[in-house]
């Protein structure tokens, strides 16, 4: 079994399920390889992994214009 390539995951609340073993996943925004042991940010709704918190926030703001507007109003 080759676990050195890209994994395929199902993102759950607070955890993920490995569908295809691998060493990393790619950030949905930046394309950066994220080692599975460093994966901390993802969207259950969109089933997307993110490299870090700021990238995750950027994607949330892009995906939900109302959220972005409410932040701008503050």
Protein backbone atom coordinates (compact mmCIF):
# COMPACT_ATOMS: atom_id res chain seq x y z
CA UNK A 1 0.00 0.00 0.00
CA UNK A 2 1.51 3.35 -1.11
CA UNK A 3 0.97 6.02 1.54
CA UNK A 4 3.44 8.52 0.09
CA UNK A 5 1.05 10.18 -2.36
CA UNK A 6 -2.05 12.32 -2.03
CA UNK A 7 -4.76 11.04 0.30
CA UNK A 8 -8.48 11.31 -0.23
CA UNK A 9 -10.48 12.16 2.89
CA UNK A 10 -14.03 12.65 4.06
CA UNK A 11 -14.12 15.65 6.39
CA UNK A 12 -16.22 15.25 9.52
CA UNK A 13 -16.92 17.47 12.54
CA UNK A 14 -13.59 17.51 14.39
CA UNK A 15 -12.13 14.53 12.53
CA UNK A 16 -11.70 13.04 9.08
CA UNK A 17 -12.05 9.62 7.53
CA UNK A 18 -9.34 8.30 5.20
CA UNK A 19 -10.95 7.08 1.97
CA UNK A 20 -7.66 6.62 0.10
CA UNK A 21 -4.42 6.40 2.12
CA UNK A 22 -1.73 8.95 1.46
CA UNK A 23 0.72 11.29 3.13
CA UNK A 24 -0.96 14.63 2.33
CA UNK A 25 -3.94 16.52 0.92
CA UNK A 26 -3.90 19.72 -1.14
CA UNK A 27 -5.26 22.99 0.20
CA UNK A 28 -8.43 23.87 -1.71
CA UNK A 29 -7.36 27.53 -1.95
CA UNK A 30 -3.57 27.55 -2.35
CA UNK A 31 -2.85 24.08 -3.72
CA UNK A 32 -0.21 23.64 -1.01
CA UNK A 33 0.46 20.07 0.13
CA UNK A 34 -0.66 19.59 3.75
CA UNK A 35 0.77 16.55 5.57
CA UNK A 36 -2.08 14.68 7.25
CA UNK A 37 -0.48 15.06 10.67
CA UNK A 38 -0.53 18.86 10.18
CA UNK A 39 -4.11 19.09 8.86
CA UNK A 40 -6.16 21.25 11.26
CA UNK A 41 -8.58 23.25 9.08
CA UNK A 42 -11.32 22.06 6.73
CA UNK A 43 -14.93 22.62 5.77
CA UNK A 44 -17.39 19.81 6.38
CA UNK A 45 -19.99 21.53 4.19
CA UNK A 46 -17.66 21.98 1.22
CA UNK A 47 -15.42 18.96 1.93
CA UNK A 48 -12.30 21.10 1.46
CA UNK A 49 -9.00 21.19 3.40
CA UNK A 50 -7.14 24.43 4.16
CA UNK A 51 -3.46 25.08 4.85
CA UNK A 52 -4.03 27.37 7.85
CA UNK A 53 -6.57 29.51 9.72
CA UNK A 54 -6.16 32.61 7.55
CA UNK A 55 -6.74 30.62 4.36
CA UNK A 56 -9.79 28.99 5.95
CA UNK A 57 -11.21 32.41 6.89
CA UNK A 58 -10.54 33.76 3.40
CA UNK A 59 -12.49 30.86 1.89
CA UNK A 60 -15.36 31.30 4.37
CA UNK A 61 -15.64 34.98 3.43
CA UNK A 62 -15.61 34.14 -0.28
CA UNK A 63 -18.24 31.43 0.17
CA UNK A 64 -20.59 33.54 2.32
CA UNK A 65 -20.94 37.16 1.16
CA UNK A 66 -23.30 37.91 4.07
CA UNK A 67 -20.55 36.98 6.54
CA UNK A 68 -18.09 39.22 4.71
CA UNK A 69 -20.60 42.09 4.73
CA UNK A 70 -21.27 41.71 8.44
CA UNK A 71 -17.55 41.92 9.20
CA UNK A 72 -17.18 45.06 7.06
CA UNK A 73 -20.01 46.74 8.98
CA UNK A 74 -18.13 46.47 12.29
